[in-house]
Amino acid sequence: MKLFVGLGNPGAKYAMNRHNIGFMALDEIASNHGFAPWRKKFQGQLCEGNLGGEKVILLKPETFMNLSGQSVGEVMRFYKLAVGDVTVFHDELDLAPGKCRVKQGGGHAGHNGLRSIHQHLSPEYQRVRLGIGHPGRKELVSGYVLHDFPKADLNWLDDLLRGIDDGAAQLAAGNADKFMNAVALRRAPVPEKKPKTVKPKPEKAAKPVAEDARTALQKLVDKFR
């Protein structure tokens, strides 16, 4: 069993903040892999599902960022998980917008959510670092991460979240390199070879079926318009 933790702050006012990209990543996975509905538990929102044959718990702590470790610790104790079973998705100032890197262990680099998890677990959990870029000066960081993604960023953000969804099963299986490849392919897809033209047999036109093709990010954006 694996625990995927997304970091962010609860409430509509924070939903599209750069600091909430961890929540967005988990929403994308949950909506596309048949996870059970979200429910309030362990000071957060939790749901369960399966990724490539691996049972996975998704957790969005609702303690606010600075106390995220409290919620994570409760889930770990209840399910008797080891630190190595935990993967945390979080915003990363030191990566360019849209970049994604997987890291095992290390420091918290001043990130308050990671700092709290360090205190309640240890530094040895896995992180998925999601680049949001840096505002340029340290005193601007707080306002920057608590500001919504601008419209100009929504295209790369959507590609990044789709890539995370594409590679989620590989991440659950412990294949970090294949996960990052999936993200990279979504952000810069390889051109497809044009297939040979084959004249299809005439068929009766099927009645169109209305489907909601929006991604989790698009649904979130529409919800708060």
C-alpha atoms as a PDB file:
ATOM      1  CA  MET A   1       0.000   0.000   0.000  1.00  0.00           C
ATOM      2  CA  LYS A   2       1.219   3.489  -0.913  1.00  0.00           C
ATOM      3  CA  LEU A   3       0.279   6.908   0.439  1.00  0.00           C
ATOM      4  CA  PHE A   4       0.288   9.848  -1.974  1.00  0.00           C
ATOM      5  CA  VAL A   5       0.071  13.192  -0.162  1.00  0.00           C
ATOM      6  CA  GLY A   6      -0.749  16.459  -1.931  1.00  0.00           C
ATOM      7  CA  LEU A   7       0.185  19.677  -0.138  1.00  0.00           C
ATOM      8  CA  GLY A   8      -1.995  22.786  -0.164  1.00  0.00           C
ATOM      9  CA  ASN A   9      -4.409  24.874   1.867  1.00  0.00           C
ATOM     10  CA  PRO A  10      -8.130  24.040   2.222  1.00  0.00           C
ATOM     11  CA  GLY A  11     -10.918  26.294   1.011  1.00  0.00           C
ATOM     12  CA  ALA A  12     -12.113  27.900  -2.220  1.00  0.00           C
ATOM     13  CA  LYS A  13      -9.946  31.021  -1.812  1.00  0.00           C
ATOM     14  CA  TYR A  14      -6.781  28.920  -2.062  1.00  0.00           C
ATOM     15  CA  ALA A  15      -7.939  26.429  -4.693  1.00  0.00           C
ATOM     16  CA  MET A  16      -5.991  27.894  -7.646  1.00  0.00           C
ATOM     17  CA  ASN A  17      -2.952  29.129  -5.649  1.00  0.00           C
ATOM     18  CA  ARG A  18       0.514  28.062  -6.771  1.00  0.00           C
ATOM     19  CA  HIS A  19       0.921  26.588  -3.264  1.00  0.00           C
ATOM     20  CA  ASN A  20      -1.970  24.193  -4.004  1.00  0.00           C
ATOM     21  CA  ILE A  21      -0.472  22.397  -6.981  1.00  0.00           C
ATOM     22  CA  GLY A  22      -0.089  19.275  -4.804  1.00  0.00           C
ATOM     23  CA  PHE A  23      -3.866  19.195  -4.239  1.00  0.00           C
ATOM     24  CA  MET A  24      -4.404  19.640  -7.992  1.00  0.00           C
ATOM     25  CA  ALA A  25      -2.136  16.674  -8.807  1.00  0.00           C
ATOM     26  CA  LEU A  26      -4.114  14.348  -6.523  1.00  0.00           C
ATOM     27  CA  ASP A  27      -7.443  15.595  -7.880  1.00  0.00           C
ATOM     28  CA  GLU A  28      -6.251  14.722 -11.395  1.00  0.00           C
ATOM     29  CA  ILE A  29      -5.240  11.191 -10.356  1.00  0.00           C
ATOM     30  CA  ALA A  30      -8.436  10.554  -8.394  1.00  0.00           C
ATOM     31  CA  SER A  31     -10.745  11.742 -11.180  1.00  0.00           C
ATOM     32  CA  ASN A  32      -9.147   9.588 -13.902  1.00  0.00           C
ATOM     33  CA  HIS A  33      -8.404   6.314 -12.124  1.00  0.00           C
ATOM     34  CA  GLY A  34     -11.742   5.407 -10.595  1.00  0.00           C
ATOM     35  CA  PHE A  35     -10.860   6.281  -6.997  1.00  0.00           C
ATOM     36  CA  ALA A  36     -13.579   6.232  -4.344  1.00  0.00           C
ATOM     37  CA  PRO A  37     -15.160   9.597  -3.445  1.00  0.00           C
ATOM     38  CA  TRP A  38     -13.187  11.930  -1.191  1.00  0.00           C
ATOM     39  CA  ARG A  39     -14.185  11.787   2.486  1.00  0.00           C
ATOM     40  CA  LYS A  40     -13.130  13.737   5.560  1.00  0.00           C
ATOM     41  CA  LYS A  41     -10.801  11.709   7.762  1.00  0.00           C
ATOM     42  CA  PHE A  42      -7.496  12.121   9.630  1.00  0.00           C
ATOM     43  CA  GLN A  43      -7.717  15.947   9.526  1.00  0.00           C
ATOM     44  CA  GLY A  44      -7.883  15.881   5.760  1.00  0.00           C
ATOM     45  CA  GLN A  45      -9.631  14.683   2.620  1.00  0.00           C
ATOM     46  CA  LEU A  46      -8.869  11.049   1.810  1.00  0.00           C
ATOM     47  CA  CYS A  47      -9.780   8.597  -0.928  1.00  0.00           C
ATOM     48  CA  GLU A  48      -8.625   5.121  -1.907  1.00  0.00           C
ATOM     49  CA  GLY A  49      -8.090   3.371  -5.218  1.00  0.00           C
ATOM     50  CA  ASN A  50      -5.790   1.238  -7.322  1.00  0.00           C
ATOM     51  CA  LEU A  51      -2.922   2.196  -9.606  1.00  0.00           C
ATOM     52  CA  GLY A  52      -1.482  -0.603 -11.734  1.00  0.00           C
ATOM     53  CA  GLY A  53      -2.431  -3.254  -9.181  1.00  0.00           C
ATOM     54  CA  GLU A  54      -1.084  -1.271  -6.201  1.00  0.00           C
ATOM     55  CA  LYS A  55      -3.506  -0.023  -3.567  1.00  0.00           C
ATOM     56  CA  VAL A  56      -3.002   3.710  -3.108  1.00  0.00           C
ATOM     57  CA  ILE A  57      -4.381   6.162  -0.564  1.00  0.00           C
ATOM     58  CA  LEU A  58      -4.621   9.816  -1.611  1.00  0.00           C
ATOM     59  CA  LEU A  59      -4.501  12.426   1.158  1.00  0.00           C
ATOM     60  CA  LYS A  60      -5.023  16.198   1.066  1.00  0.00           C
ATOM     61  CA  PRO A  61      -4.318  17.501   4.611  1.00  0.00           C
ATOM     62  CA  GLU A  62      -6.764  20.206   5.734  1.00  0.00           C
ATOM     63  CA  THR A  63      -4.692  21.435   8.670  1.00  0.00           C
ATOM     64  CA  PHE A  64      -3.283  24.262   6.520  1.00  0.00           C
ATOM     65  CA  MET A  65       0.202  23.937   5.110  1.00  0.00           C
ATOM     66  CA  ASN A  66       2.224  24.542   8.289  1.00  0.00           C
ATOM     67  CA  LEU A  67       0.643  21.570  10.105  1.00  0.00           C
ATOM     68  CA  SER A  68       0.460  19.069   7.229  1.00  0.00           C
ATOM     69  CA  GLY A  69       2.541  16.508   9.121  1.00  0.00           C
ATOM     70  CA  GLN A  70      -0.194  16.003  11.716  1.00  0.00           C
ATOM     71  CA  SER A  71      -2.602  14.593   9.135  1.00  0.00           C
ATOM     72  CA  VAL A  72       0.071  12.522   7.382  1.00  0.00           C
ATOM     73  CA  GLY A  73       1.227  11.041  10.686  1.00  0.00           C
ATOM     74  CA  GLU A  74      -2.315   9.973  11.607  1.00  0.00           C
ATOM     75  CA  VAL A  75      -2.797   8.142   8.306  1.00  0.00           C
ATOM     76  CA  MET A  76       0.557   6.389   8.589  1.00  0.00           C
ATOM     77  CA  ARG A  77      -0.161   5.150  12.098  1.00  0.00           C
ATOM     78  CA  PHE A  78      -3.665   3.944  11.229  1.00  0.00           C
ATOM     79  CA  TYR A  79      -2.567   1.995   8.141  1.00  0.00           C
ATOM     80  CA  LYS A  80       0.792   0.963   9.666  1.00  0.00           C
ATOM     81  CA  LEU A  81       2.776   2.442   6.780  1.00  0.00           C
ATOM     82  CA  ALA A  82       6.532   2.994   6.640  1.00  0.00           C
ATOM     83  CA  VAL A  83       8.153   6.288   5.630  1.00  0.00           C
ATOM     84  CA  GLY A  84       9.231   4.640   2.377  1.00  0.00           C
ATOM     85  CA  ASP A  85       5.559   4.140   1.433  1.00  0.00           C
ATOM     86  CA  VAL A  86       4.921   7.905   1.360  1.00  0.00           C
ATOM     87  CA  THR A  87       5.179  10.194  -1.661  1.00  0.00           C
ATOM     88  CA  VAL A  88       4.514  13.933  -1.229  1.00  0.00           C
ATOM     89  CA  PHE A  89       3.505  16.186  -4.162  1.00  0.00           C
ATOM     90  CA  HIS A  90       4.449  19.828  -3.550  1.00  0.00           C
ATOM     91  CA  ASP A  91       5.231  23.143  -5.208  1.00  0.00           C
ATOM     92  CA  GLU A  92       8.910  23.807  -5.865  1.00  0.00           C
ATOM     93  CA  LEU A  93      10.307  27.331  -6.196  1.00  0.00           C
ATOM     94  CA  ASP A  94      13.721  26.128  -7.363  1.00  0.00           C
ATOM     95  CA  LEU A  95      12.362  24.452 -10.513  1.00  0.00           C
ATOM     96  CA  ALA A  96      11.199  26.264 -13.632  1.00  0.00           C
ATOM     97  CA  PRO A  97       7.422  26.347 -14.148  1.00  0.00           C
ATOM     98  CA  GLY A  98       6.151  22.995 -15.421  1.00  0.00           C
ATOM     99  CA  LYS A  99       9.264  21.010 -14.528  1.00  0.00           C
ATOM    100  CA  CYS A 100       8.836  17.829 -12.476  1.00  0.00           C
ATOM    101  CA  ARG A 101      11.466  15.950 -10.484  1.00  0.00           C
ATOM    102  CA  VAL A 102      11.294  13.003  -8.090  1.00  0.00           C
ATOM    103  CA  LYS A 103      13.558  13.096  -5.046  1.00  0.00           C
ATOM    104  CA  GLN A 104      14.119  10.654  -2.192  1.00  0.00           C
ATOM    105  CA  GLY A 105      14.860  12.239   1.176  1.00  0.00           C
ATOM    106  CA  GLY A 106      16.720  15.484   1.743  1.00  0.00           C
ATOM    107  CA  GLY A 107      15.971  18.837   3.357  1.00  0.00           C
ATOM    108  CA  HIS A 108      12.768  20.863   3.302  1.00  0.00           C
ATOM    109  CA  ALA A 109      14.369  23.995   1.724  1.00  0.00           C
ATOM    110  CA  GLY A 110      12.125  26.267   3.797  1.00  0.00           C
ATOM    111  CA  HIS A 111       8.865  24.728   2.551  1.00  0.00           C
ATOM    112  CA  ASN A 112       6.561  24.803   5.584  1.00  0.00           C
ATOM    113  CA  GLY A 113       4.542  21.765   4.541  1.00  0.00           C
ATOM    114  CA  LEU A 114       7.672  19.650   4.158  1.00  0.00           C
ATOM    115  CA  ARG A 115       9.069  21.067   7.395  1.00  0.00           C
ATOM    116  CA  SER A 116       5.976  19.822   9.262  1.00  0.00           C
ATOM    117  CA  ILE A 117       6.191  16.371   7.647  1.00  0.00           C
ATOM    118  CA  HIS A 118       9.878  16.181   8.601  1.00  0.00           C
ATOM    119  CA  GLN A 119       8.877  16.784  12.221  1.00  0.00           C
ATOM    120  CA  HIS A 120       6.195  14.075  12.280  1.00  0.00           C
ATOM    121  CA  LEU A 121       7.929  11.452  10.090  1.00  0.00           C
ATOM    122  CA  SER A 122      11.539  11.819   9.042  1.00  0.00           C
ATOM    123  CA  PRO A 123      13.164  13.287   5.927  1.00  0.00           C
ATOM    124  CA  GLU A 124      13.289   9.922   4.144  1.00  0.00           C
ATOM    125  CA  TYR A 125       9.981  10.023   2.267  1.00  0.00           C
ATOM    126  CA  GLN A 126       9.757  10.484  -1.509  1.00  0.00           C
ATOM    127  CA  ARG A 127       8.836  13.876  -2.988  1.00  0.00           C
ATOM    128  CA  VAL A 128       7.448  14.868  -6.377  1.00  0.00           C
ATOM    129  CA  ARG A 129       8.727  18.414  -6.860  1.00  0.00           C
ATOM    130  CA  LEU A 130       6.447  20.449  -9.128  1.00  0.00           C
ATOM    131  CA  GLY A 131       8.118  23.556 -10.492  1.00  0.00           C
ATOM    132  CA  ILE A 132       6.337  26.891 -10.146  1.00  0.00           C
ATOM    133  CA  GLY A 133       9.362  29.161 -10.614  1.00  0.00           C
ATOM    134  CA  HIS A 134      10.716  31.819  -8.238  1.00  0.00           C
ATOM    135  CA  PRO A 135       9.554  35.447  -7.989  1.00  0.00           C
ATOM    136  CA  GLY A 136      13.177  36.610  -7.826  1.00  0.00           C
ATOM    137  CA  ARG A 137      13.427  37.947  -4.281  1.00  0.00           C
ATOM    138  CA  LYS A 138      12.967  36.150  -0.962  1.00  0.00           C
ATOM    139  CA  GLU A 139      10.576  38.749   0.449  1.00  0.00           C
ATOM    140  CA  LEU A 140       8.192  38.146  -2.485  1.00  0.00           C
ATOM    141  CA  VAL A 141       7.896  34.381  -1.976  1.00  0.00           C
ATOM    142  CA  SER A 142       4.938  34.345   0.443  1.00  0.00           C
ATOM    143  CA  GLY A 143       2.705  36.470  -1.778  1.00  0.00           C
ATOM    144  CA  TYR A 144       3.844  34.593  -4.880  1.00  0.00           C
ATOM    145  CA  VAL A 145       2.945  31.077  -3.674  1.00  0.00           C
ATOM    146  CA  LEU A 146      -0.383  32.284  -2.232  1.00  0.00           C
ATOM    147  CA  HIS A 147      -1.384  33.887  -5.521  1.00  0.00           C
ATOM    148  CA  ASP A 148      -3.465  32.122  -8.174  1.00  0.00           C
ATOM    149  CA  PHE A 149      -1.823  30.758 -11.312  1.00  0.00           C
ATOM    150  CA  PRO A 150      -2.292  33.390 -14.033  1.00  0.00           C
ATOM    151  CA  LYS A 151      -4.201  32.448 -17.191  1.00  0.00           C
ATOM    152  CA  ALA A 152      -0.936  32.378 -19.133  1.00  0.00           C
ATOM    153  CA  ASP A 153       0.240  29.431 -16.990  1.00  0.00           C
ATOM    154  CA  LEU A 154      -2.861  27.260 -17.347  1.00  0.00           C
ATOM    155  CA  ASN A 155      -1.715  25.496 -20.535  1.00  0.00           C
ATOM    156  CA  TRP A 156       1.563  24.200 -19.112  1.00  0.00           C
ATOM    157  CA  LEU A 157      -0.155  23.467 -15.795  1.00  0.00           C
ATOM    158  CA  ASP A 158      -2.764  21.339 -17.560  1.00  0.00           C
ATOM    159  CA  ASP A 159      -0.040  19.434 -19.450  1.00  0.00           C
ATOM    160  CA  LEU A 160       1.892  18.860 -16.229  1.00  0.00           C
ATOM    161  CA  LEU A 161      -1.154  17.499 -14.380  1.00  0.00           C
ATOM    162  CA  ARG A 162      -2.080  15.249 -17.304  1.00  0.00           C
ATOM    163  CA  GLY A 163       1.486  13.914 -17.337  1.00  0.00           C
ATOM    164  CA  ILE A 164       1.329  13.163 -13.616  1.00  0.00           C
ATOM    165  CA  ASP A 165      -1.899  11.264 -14.246  1.00  0.00           C
ATOM    166  CA  ASP A 166      -0.300   9.348 -17.151  1.00  0.00           C
ATOM    167  CA  GLY A 167       2.618   8.216 -14.984  1.00  0.00           C
ATOM    168  CA  ALA A 168       0.801   7.672 -11.680  1.00  0.00           C
ATOM    169  CA  ALA A 169       0.819   3.860 -11.934  1.00  0.00           C
ATOM    170  CA  GLN A 170       4.580   3.859 -12.597  1.00  0.00           C
ATOM    171  CA  LEU A 171       5.145   6.054  -9.549  1.00  0.00           C
ATOM    172  CA  ALA A 172       3.078   3.691  -7.383  1.00  0.00           C
ATOM    173  CA  ALA A 173       5.167   0.789  -8.683  1.00  0.00           C
ATOM    174  CA  GLY A 174       8.391   2.545  -7.686  1.00  0.00           C
ATOM    175  CA  ASN A 175       9.471   3.424 -11.232  1.00  0.00           C
ATOM    176  CA  ALA A 176      10.367   7.095 -10.766  1.00  0.00           C
ATOM    177  CA  ASP A 177      12.222   7.376 -14.093  1.00  0.00           C
ATOM    178  CA  LYS A 178       9.265   6.016 -16.075  1.00  0.00           C
ATOM    179  CA  PHE A 179       6.972   8.386 -14.190  1.00  0.00           C
ATOM    180  CA  MET A 180       9.114  11.393 -15.159  1.00  0.00           C
ATOM    181  CA  ASN A 181       9.244  10.138 -18.769  1.00  0.00           C
ATOM    182  CA  ALA A 182       5.447  10.101 -18.840  1.00  0.00           C
ATOM    183  CA  VAL A 183       5.354  13.694 -17.610  1.00  0.00           C
ATOM    184  CA  ALA A 184       7.979  14.754 -20.164  1.00  0.00           C
ATOM    185  CA  LEU A 185       6.090  13.111 -23.037  1.00  0.00           C
ATOM    186  CA  ARG A 186       2.889  14.915 -22.119  1.00  0.00           C
ATOM    187  CA  ARG A 187       4.694  18.259 -22.020  1.00  0.00           C
ATOM    188  CA  ALA A 188       6.613  17.602 -25.272  1.00  0.00           C
ATOM    189  CA  PRO A 189       4.890  14.723 -27.100  1.00  0.00           C
ATOM    190  CA  VAL A 190       6.761  12.738 -29.767  1.00  0.00           C
ATOM    191  CA  PRO A 191       5.240  13.343 -33.230  1.00  0.00           C
ATOM    192  CA  GLU A 192       3.219  10.355 -34.385  1.00  0.00           C
ATOM    193  CA  LYS A 193       3.896   8.657 -37.730  1.00  0.00           C
ATOM    194  CA  LYS A 194       1.043   9.053 -40.152  1.00  0.00           C
ATOM    195  CA  PRO A 195      -0.621   5.676 -40.718  1.00  0.00           C
ATOM    196  CA  LYS A 196      -1.288   4.374 -44.211  1.00  0.00           C
ATOM    197  CA  THR A 197      -4.641   5.461 -45.515  1.00  0.00           C
ATOM    198  CA  VAL A 198      -7.154   2.626 -45.584  1.00  0.00           C
ATOM    199  CA  LYS A 199     -10.605   3.227 -47.000  1.00  0.00           C
ATOM    200  CA  PRO A 200     -13.066   2.232 -44.274  1.00  0.00           C
ATOM    201  CA  LYS A 201     -16.217   0.323 -45.041  1.00  0.00           C
ATOM    202  CA  PRO A 202     -19.288   2.525 -44.880  1.00  0.00           C
ATOM    203  CA  GLU A 203     -21.014   2.295 -41.529  1.00  0.00           C
ATOM    204  CA  LYS A 204     -24.141   3.758 -40.107  1.00  0.00           C
ATOM    205  CA  ALA A 205     -23.370   6.935 -38.238  1.00  0.00           C
ATOM    206  CA  ALA A 206     -23.638   6.440 -34.491  1.00  0.00           C
ATOM    207  CA  LYS A 207     -25.570   8.913 -32.453  1.00  0.00           C
ATOM    208  CA  PRO A 208     -23.169  11.291 -30.670  1.00  0.00           C
ATOM    209  CA  VAL A 209     -22.821  10.776 -26.924  1.00  0.00           C
ATOM    210  CA  ALA A 210     -22.294  13.856 -24.818  1.00  0.00           C
ATOM    211  CA  GLU A 211     -19.259  13.479 -22.562  1.00  0.00           C
ATOM    212  CA  ASP A 212     -17.532  15.827 -20.195  1.00  0.00           C
ATOM    213  CA  ALA A 213     -14.004  15.905 -21.643  1.00  0.00           C
ATOM    214  CA  ARG A 214     -12.707  18.502 -19.202  1.00  0.00           C
ATOM    215  CA  THR A 215      -9.690  17.657 -17.080  1.00  0.00           C
ATOM    216  CA  ALA A 216      -9.737  17.957 -13.298  1.00  0.00           C
ATOM    217  CA  LEU A 217      -7.938  21.321 -13.622  1.00  0.00           C
ATOM    218  CA  GLN A 218     -10.479  22.635 -16.140  1.00  0.00           C
ATOM    219  CA  LYS A 219     -13.359  21.570 -13.895  1.00  0.00           C
ATOM    220  CA  LEU A 220     -11.672  23.321 -10.962  1.00  0.00           C
ATOM    221  CA  VAL A 221     -11.161  26.521 -12.949  1.00  0.00           C
ATOM    222  CA  ASP A 222     -14.789  26.498 -14.166  1.00  0.00           C
ATOM    223  CA  LYS A 223     -16.038  25.881 -10.605  1.00  0.00           C
ATOM    224  CA  PHE A 224     -14.489  29.090  -9.290  1.00  0.00           C
ATOM    225  CA  ARG A 225     -15.274  31.354 -12.250  1.00  0.00           C
END
